[in-house]
Amino acid sequence: MWELKTGVVYNMRTNQIIGDYVWKADSILSRLQGLLGHSYLKPGQGCWLVPCQQVHMIGMRFALSVWFLDRSGIICYILDELKPYKISPRHKDAVSVLEFPAEWAKITDTRIGDTLRWEYRLGAK
């Protein structure tokens, strides 16, 4: 697996940590790889694709909750269960995408319009 920065994602509306181990994929190779090769994500694990406006699930083995963020870190669209071999719509207002376990928005009470903040943490868990 590639070397990625890890961090924690906070929901500013709920003042809660919603991702306690989130990989930041911000290079061409790390974005191409994304979560391919993973068999699952544990609760709180995720991948932040920067920049990104659309994702595909070709080659994935499990569904994901996919959140599209604008330049300010505000969620502009959520697909809470994108299934393997599907392709998301492209969102022109998005500059990045967060991927979490399926139904993570429902589980964490995260909504469109919420502001998220990613904080780098060495060895985040």
N, C-alpha and C. Protein backbone atom coordinates (compact mmCIF):
# COMPACT_ATOMS: atom_id res chain seq x y z
N MET A 1 0.84 -1.18 0.00
CA MET A 1 0.00 0.00 0.00
C MET A 1 0.89 1.24 0.00
N TRP A 2 0.35 2.34 -0.49
CA TRP A 2 1.09 3.58 -0.61
C TRP A 2 1.15 4.31 0.72
N GLU A 3 2.09 5.23 0.82
CA GLU A 3 2.25 6.06 2.02
C GLU A 3 1.32 7.26 1.93
N LEU A 4 0.37 7.36 2.82
CA LEU A 4 -0.58 8.47 2.81
C LEU A 4 -0.60 9.18 4.14
N LYS A 5 -0.98 10.43 4.09
CA LYS A 5 -1.22 11.19 5.32
C LYS A 5 -2.51 10.66 5.94
N THR A 6 -2.54 10.59 7.24
CA THR A 6 -3.76 10.20 7.92
C THR A 6 -4.22 11.34 8.80
N GLY A 7 -5.51 11.38 9.01
CA GLY A 7 -6.06 12.44 9.83
C GLY A 7 -7.40 12.08 10.41
N VAL A 8 -7.97 13.06 11.08
CA VAL A 8 -9.26 12.93 11.74
C VAL A 8 -10.21 13.93 11.08
N VAL A 9 -11.47 13.52 10.87
CA VAL A 9 -12.47 14.40 10.28
C VAL A 9 -13.50 14.76 11.33
N TYR A 10 -13.74 16.07 11.48
CA TYR A 10 -14.72 16.60 12.43
C TYR A 10 -15.92 17.16 11.68
N ASN A 11 -17.11 16.95 12.23
CA ASN A 11 -18.31 17.61 11.76
C ASN A 11 -18.51 18.83 12.65
N MET A 12 -18.42 20.02 12.09
CA MET A 12 -18.50 21.25 12.88
C MET A 12 -19.90 21.49 13.43
N ARG A 13 -20.96 20.99 12.75
CA ARG A 13 -22.32 21.18 13.26
C ARG A 13 -22.56 20.37 14.52
N THR A 14 -22.11 19.11 14.50
CA THR A 14 -22.36 18.23 15.65
C THR A 14 -21.21 18.25 16.65
N ASN A 15 -20.09 18.87 16.26
CA ASN A 15 -18.89 18.93 17.11
C ASN A 15 -18.41 17.52 17.48
N GLN A 16 -18.52 16.60 16.49
CA GLN A 16 -18.13 15.21 16.72
C GLN A 16 -17.05 14.79 15.72
N ILE A 17 -16.22 13.86 16.14
CA ILE A 17 -15.29 13.21 15.22
C ILE A 17 -16.11 12.18 14.46
N ILE A 18 -16.12 12.27 13.13
CA ILE A 18 -16.89 11.31 12.33
C ILE A 18 -15.98 10.34 11.58
N GLY A 19 -14.70 10.67 11.53
CA GLY A 19 -13.71 9.79 10.92
C GLY A 19 -12.45 9.86 11.76
N ASP A 20 -12.10 8.76 12.42
CA ASP A 20 -10.92 8.81 13.28
C ASP A 20 -9.66 8.26 12.64
N TYR A 21 -9.79 7.76 11.40
CA TYR A 21 -8.62 7.31 10.66
C TYR A 21 -8.92 7.47 9.17
N VAL A 22 -8.61 8.64 8.63
CA VAL A 22 -8.95 8.97 7.25
C VAL A 22 -7.66 9.23 6.47
N TRP A 23 -7.50 8.44 5.40
CA TRP A 23 -6.34 8.61 4.52
C TRP A 23 -6.61 9.75 3.56
N LYS A 24 -5.62 10.60 3.33
CA LYS A 24 -5.75 11.68 2.36
C LYS A 24 -5.02 11.27 1.09
N ALA A 25 -5.78 11.09 0.01
CA ALA A 25 -5.23 10.72 -1.29
C ALA A 25 -5.21 11.98 -2.15
N ASP A 26 -4.04 12.62 -2.24
CA ASP A 26 -3.96 13.90 -2.95
C ASP A 26 -2.91 13.91 -4.06
N SER A 27 -2.51 12.73 -4.49
CA SER A 27 -1.63 12.63 -5.66
C SER A 27 -2.36 11.81 -6.72
N ILE A 28 -1.89 11.87 -7.95
CA ILE A 28 -2.53 11.13 -9.03
C ILE A 28 -2.58 9.64 -8.71
N LEU A 29 -1.45 9.08 -8.29
CA LEU A 29 -1.40 7.64 -8.02
C LEU A 29 -2.26 7.25 -6.83
N SER A 30 -2.22 8.02 -5.76
CA SER A 30 -3.03 7.66 -4.59
C SER A 30 -4.52 7.79 -4.88
N ARG A 31 -4.92 8.76 -5.70
CA ARG A 31 -6.34 8.89 -6.07
C ARG A 31 -6.77 7.75 -6.98
N LEU A 32 -5.91 7.36 -7.92
CA LEU A 32 -6.23 6.22 -8.79
C LEU A 32 -6.42 4.94 -7.98
N GLN A 33 -5.57 4.74 -6.99
CA GLN A 33 -5.65 3.54 -6.15
C GLN A 33 -6.86 3.62 -5.22
N GLY A 34 -7.06 4.78 -4.60
CA GLY A 34 -8.18 4.95 -3.67
C GLY A 34 -8.28 3.79 -2.70
N LEU A 35 -9.45 3.20 -2.60
CA LEU A 35 -9.67 2.08 -1.68
C LEU A 35 -9.64 0.73 -2.39
N LEU A 36 -9.24 0.71 -3.67
CA LEU A 36 -9.12 -0.56 -4.37
C LEU A 36 -8.15 -1.47 -3.63
N GLY A 37 -8.52 -2.73 -3.51
CA GLY A 37 -7.68 -3.68 -2.80
C GLY A 37 -8.11 -3.88 -1.35
N HIS A 38 -8.91 -2.96 -0.82
CA HIS A 38 -9.45 -3.14 0.54
C HIS A 38 -10.65 -4.08 0.47
N SER A 39 -10.83 -4.90 1.49
CA SER A 39 -12.01 -5.77 1.55
C SER A 39 -13.14 -5.13 2.33
N TYR A 40 -12.83 -4.14 3.15
CA TYR A 40 -13.84 -3.46 3.97
C TYR A 40 -13.20 -2.25 4.61
N LEU A 41 -14.02 -1.42 5.22
CA LEU A 41 -13.54 -0.32 6.07
C LEU A 41 -14.12 -0.53 7.46
N LYS A 42 -13.31 -0.30 8.47
CA LYS A 42 -13.82 -0.33 9.84
C LYS A 42 -14.60 0.96 10.09
N PRO A 43 -15.52 0.96 11.05
CA PRO A 43 -16.21 2.20 11.40
C PRO A 43 -15.20 3.31 11.70
N GLY A 44 -15.41 4.48 11.10
CA GLY A 44 -14.51 5.61 11.32
C GLY A 44 -13.35 5.70 10.34
N GLN A 45 -13.11 4.64 9.57
CA GLN A 45 -12.06 4.69 8.56
C GLN A 45 -12.62 5.28 7.28
N GLY A 46 -11.76 5.99 6.55
CA GLY A 46 -12.20 6.56 5.29
C GLY A 46 -11.05 7.00 4.42
N CYS A 47 -11.40 7.51 3.27
CA CYS A 47 -10.43 8.02 2.31
C CYS A 47 -10.93 9.36 1.78
N TRP A 48 -10.05 10.35 1.77
CA TRP A 48 -10.38 11.68 1.27
C TRP A 48 -9.64 11.89 -0.04
N LEU A 49 -10.38 12.00 -1.13
CA LEU A 49 -9.81 12.17 -2.47
C LEU A 49 -9.80 13.65 -2.83
N VAL A 50 -8.60 14.18 -3.05
CA VAL A 50 -8.42 15.61 -3.33
C VAL A 50 -7.50 15.79 -4.52
N PRO A 51 -7.87 16.45 -5.60
CA PRO A 51 -9.21 16.94 -5.94
C PRO A 51 -10.06 15.80 -6.49
N CYS A 52 -11.37 15.97 -6.48
CA CYS A 52 -12.27 14.94 -6.99
C CYS A 52 -13.68 15.50 -7.12
N GLN A 53 -14.35 15.14 -8.22
CA GLN A 53 -15.75 15.53 -8.45
C GLN A 53 -16.64 14.33 -8.77
N GLN A 54 -16.02 13.15 -8.94
CA GLN A 54 -16.77 11.96 -9.31
C GLN A 54 -15.95 10.73 -8.92
N VAL A 55 -16.62 9.66 -8.50
CA VAL A 55 -15.91 8.42 -8.17
C VAL A 55 -16.55 7.24 -8.89
N HIS A 56 -15.76 6.19 -9.05
CA HIS A 56 -16.28 4.94 -9.60
C HIS A 56 -16.04 3.83 -8.58
N MET A 57 -16.84 2.80 -8.68
CA MET A 57 -16.73 1.67 -7.77
C MET A 57 -16.31 0.40 -8.53
N ILE A 58 -15.72 0.58 -9.71
CA ILE A 58 -15.28 -0.55 -10.51
C ILE A 58 -14.10 -1.22 -9.80
N GLY A 59 -14.26 -2.50 -9.53
CA GLY A 59 -13.24 -3.25 -8.82
C GLY A 59 -13.41 -3.27 -7.31
N MET A 60 -14.37 -2.51 -6.80
CA MET A 60 -14.61 -2.50 -5.35
C MET A 60 -15.41 -3.72 -4.93
N ARG A 61 -15.21 -4.13 -3.68
CA ARG A 61 -15.87 -5.33 -3.16
C ARG A 61 -17.00 -5.01 -2.18
N PHE A 62 -17.16 -3.74 -1.86
CA PHE A 62 -18.16 -3.37 -0.86
C PHE A 62 -18.67 -1.96 -1.16
N ALA A 63 -19.86 -1.66 -0.65
CA ALA A 63 -20.48 -0.34 -0.86
C ALA A 63 -19.82 0.70 0.04
N LEU A 64 -19.94 1.95 -0.37
CA LEU A 64 -19.38 3.07 0.39
C LEU A 64 -20.41 4.18 0.56
N SER A 65 -20.21 4.98 1.60
CA SER A 65 -20.90 6.25 1.74
C SER A 65 -19.96 7.29 1.15
N VAL A 66 -20.44 8.06 0.17
CA VAL A 66 -19.60 8.98 -0.59
C VAL A 66 -20.13 10.40 -0.41
N TRP A 67 -19.26 11.29 0.09
CA TRP A 67 -19.65 12.66 0.40
C TRP A 67 -18.84 13.63 -0.45
N PHE A 68 -19.52 14.52 -1.14
CA PHE A 68 -18.89 15.51 -2.00
C PHE A 68 -18.78 16.83 -1.25
N LEU A 69 -17.57 17.39 -1.21
CA LEU A 69 -17.31 18.62 -0.46
C LEU A 69 -16.93 19.76 -1.39
N ASP A 70 -17.42 20.96 -1.07
CA ASP A 70 -17.02 22.13 -1.85
C ASP A 70 -15.72 22.71 -1.29
N ARG A 71 -15.29 23.81 -1.85
CA ARG A 71 -14.03 24.46 -1.49
C ARG A 71 -13.94 24.84 -0.01
N SER A 72 -15.09 25.10 0.61
CA SER A 72 -15.13 25.50 2.03
C SER A 72 -15.26 24.32 2.98
N GLY A 73 -15.31 23.10 2.45
CA GLY A 73 -15.48 21.92 3.31
C GLY A 73 -16.93 21.63 3.66
N ILE A 74 -17.84 22.24 2.89
CA ILE A 74 -19.27 22.02 3.12
C ILE A 74 -19.73 20.87 2.23
N ILE A 75 -20.49 19.95 2.81
CA ILE A 75 -21.01 18.82 2.05
C ILE A 75 -22.08 19.32 1.09
N CYS A 76 -21.86 19.07 -0.21
CA CYS A 76 -22.85 19.50 -1.21
C CYS A 76 -23.67 18.34 -1.76
N TYR A 77 -23.26 17.10 -1.48
CA TYR A 77 -24.04 15.95 -1.94
C TYR A 77 -23.57 14.71 -1.18
N ILE A 78 -24.50 13.81 -0.90
CA ILE A 78 -24.18 12.55 -0.21
C ILE A 78 -24.84 11.39 -0.96
N LEU A 79 -24.05 10.36 -1.23
CA LEU A 79 -24.57 9.06 -1.67
C LEU A 79 -24.22 8.11 -0.53
N ASP A 80 -25.20 7.73 0.28
CA ASP A 80 -24.89 6.98 1.49
C ASP A 80 -24.65 5.50 1.25
N GLU A 81 -24.94 5.01 0.05
CA GLU A 81 -24.66 3.61 -0.25
C GLU A 81 -24.42 3.43 -1.75
N LEU A 82 -23.20 3.78 -2.17
CA LEU A 82 -22.81 3.58 -3.56
C LEU A 82 -22.25 2.17 -3.67
N LYS A 83 -22.90 1.35 -4.49
CA LYS A 83 -22.58 -0.07 -4.57
C LYS A 83 -21.43 -0.35 -5.55
N PRO A 84 -20.77 -1.51 -5.36
CA PRO A 84 -19.69 -1.89 -6.27
C PRO A 84 -20.13 -1.85 -7.73
N TYR A 85 -19.21 -1.45 -8.59
CA TYR A 85 -19.37 -1.38 -10.05
C TYR A 85 -20.32 -0.28 -10.51
N LYS A 86 -20.65 0.66 -9.63
CA LYS A 86 -21.46 1.82 -10.01
C LYS A 86 -20.54 3.03 -10.15
N ILE A 87 -21.05 4.07 -10.81
CA ILE A 87 -20.32 5.33 -10.97
C ILE A 87 -21.20 6.44 -10.41
N SER A 88 -20.61 7.31 -9.61
CA SER A 88 -21.38 8.41 -9.04
C SER A 88 -21.62 9.48 -10.10
N PRO A 89 -22.62 10.33 -9.87
CA PRO A 89 -22.74 11.51 -10.72
C PRO A 89 -21.53 12.42 -10.49
N ARG A 90 -21.23 13.27 -11.45
CA ARG A 90 -20.18 14.29 -11.29
C ARG A 90 -20.83 15.51 -10.67
N HIS A 91 -20.16 16.08 -9.66
CA HIS A 91 -20.69 17.27 -8.99
C HIS A 91 -19.73 18.43 -9.21
N LYS A 92 -20.16 19.38 -10.04
CA LYS A 92 -19.27 20.47 -10.46
C LYS A 92 -18.87 21.38 -9.30
N ASP A 93 -19.66 21.44 -8.23
CA ASP A 93 -19.31 22.28 -7.08
C ASP A 93 -18.33 21.60 -6.14
N ALA A 94 -18.14 20.30 -6.29
CA ALA A 94 -17.24 19.56 -5.40
C ALA A 94 -15.79 19.76 -5.79
N VAL A 95 -14.93 19.82 -4.78
CA VAL A 95 -13.49 19.85 -5.02
C VAL A 95 -12.82 18.62 -4.41
N SER A 96 -13.57 17.88 -3.57
CA SER A 96 -13.04 16.66 -2.97
C SER A 96 -14.19 15.73 -2.60
N VAL A 97 -13.81 14.49 -2.32
CA VAL A 97 -14.79 13.46 -1.95
C VAL A 97 -14.26 12.69 -0.76
N LEU A 98 -15.12 12.47 0.21
CA LEU A 98 -14.82 11.59 1.35
C LEU A 98 -15.56 10.28 1.16
N GLU A 99 -14.87 9.18 1.40
CA GLU A 99 -15.48 7.85 1.31
C GLU A 99 -15.39 7.19 2.69
N PHE A 100 -16.53 6.71 3.16
CA PHE A 100 -16.64 6.03 4.45
C PHE A 100 -17.42 4.73 4.26
N PRO A 101 -17.53 3.90 5.31
CA PRO A 101 -18.37 2.71 5.20
C PRO A 101 -19.81 3.09 4.82
N ALA A 102 -20.49 2.20 4.12
CA ALA A 102 -21.87 2.45 3.69
C ALA A 102 -22.74 2.87 4.87
N GLU A 103 -23.63 3.81 4.60
CA GLU A 103 -24.59 4.37 5.56
C GLU A 103 -23.94 5.18 6.68
N TRP A 104 -22.69 5.64 6.45
CA TRP A 104 -21.97 6.39 7.49
C TRP A 104 -22.63 7.74 7.76
N ALA A 105 -23.24 8.35 6.75
CA ALA A 105 -23.93 9.63 6.98
C ALA A 105 -25.10 9.42 7.94
N LYS A 106 -25.87 8.38 7.71
CA LYS A 106 -27.00 8.07 8.60
C LYS A 106 -26.51 7.76 10.01
N ILE A 107 -25.48 6.94 10.11
CA ILE A 107 -24.94 6.51 11.41
C ILE A 107 -24.41 7.70 12.20
N THR A 108 -23.75 8.66 11.51
CA THR A 108 -23.12 9.80 12.20
C THR A 108 -23.98 11.07 12.20
N ASP A 109 -25.21 10.97 11.66
CA ASP A 109 -26.11 12.13 11.55
C ASP A 109 -25.45 13.28 10.79
N THR A 110 -24.78 12.93 9.69
CA THR A 110 -24.13 13.92 8.84
C THR A 110 -25.06 14.25 7.68
N ARG A 111 -25.16 15.55 7.34
CA ARG A 111 -26.14 16.01 6.35
C ARG A 111 -25.50 16.93 5.32
N ILE A 112 -26.19 17.07 4.19
CA ILE A 112 -25.81 18.07 3.21
C ILE A 112 -25.87 19.43 3.91
N GLY A 113 -24.85 20.25 3.70
CA GLY A 113 -24.76 21.56 4.35
C GLY A 113 -23.85 21.57 5.57
N ASP A 114 -23.52 20.40 6.10
CA ASP A 114 -22.58 20.34 7.23
C ASP A 114 -21.18 20.72 6.76
N THR A 115 -20.44 21.38 7.63
CA THR A 115 -19.05 21.74 7.36
C THR A 115 -18.15 20.73 8.05
N LEU A 116 -17.20 20.19 7.28
CA LEU A 116 -16.25 19.22 7.82
C LEU A 116 -14.86 19.82 7.86
N ARG A 117 -14.06 19.33 8.81
CA ARG A 117 -12.67 19.77 8.93
C ARG A 117 -11.80 18.54 9.10
N TRP A 118 -10.75 18.45 8.28
CA TRP A 118 -9.77 17.36 8.35
C TRP A 118 -8.55 17.88 9.06
N GLU A 119 -8.07 17.14 10.05
CA GLU A 119 -6.89 17.54 10.80
C GLU A 119 -5.85 16.42 10.72
N TYR A 120 -4.68 16.78 10.21
CA TYR A 120 -3.58 15.82 10.10
C TYR A 120 -3.18 15.32 11.49
N ARG A 121 -3.01 14.03 11.58
CA ARG A 121 -2.52 13.42 12.83
C ARG A 121 -1.59 12.29 12.48
N LEU A 122 -0.41 12.35 13.01
CA LEU A 122 0.55 11.27 12.81
C LEU A 122 0.00 10.03 13.50
N GLY A 123 -0.18 8.95 12.75
CA GLY A 123 -0.68 7.70 13.34
C GLY A 123 -2.09 7.83 13.88
N ALA A 124 -2.93 8.63 13.24
CA ALA A 124 -4.32 8.83 13.70
C ALA A 124 -5.02 7.49 13.83
N LYS A 125 -5.77 7.32 14.91
CA LYS A 125 -6.55 6.09 15.14
C LYS A 125 -7.85 6.43 15.79
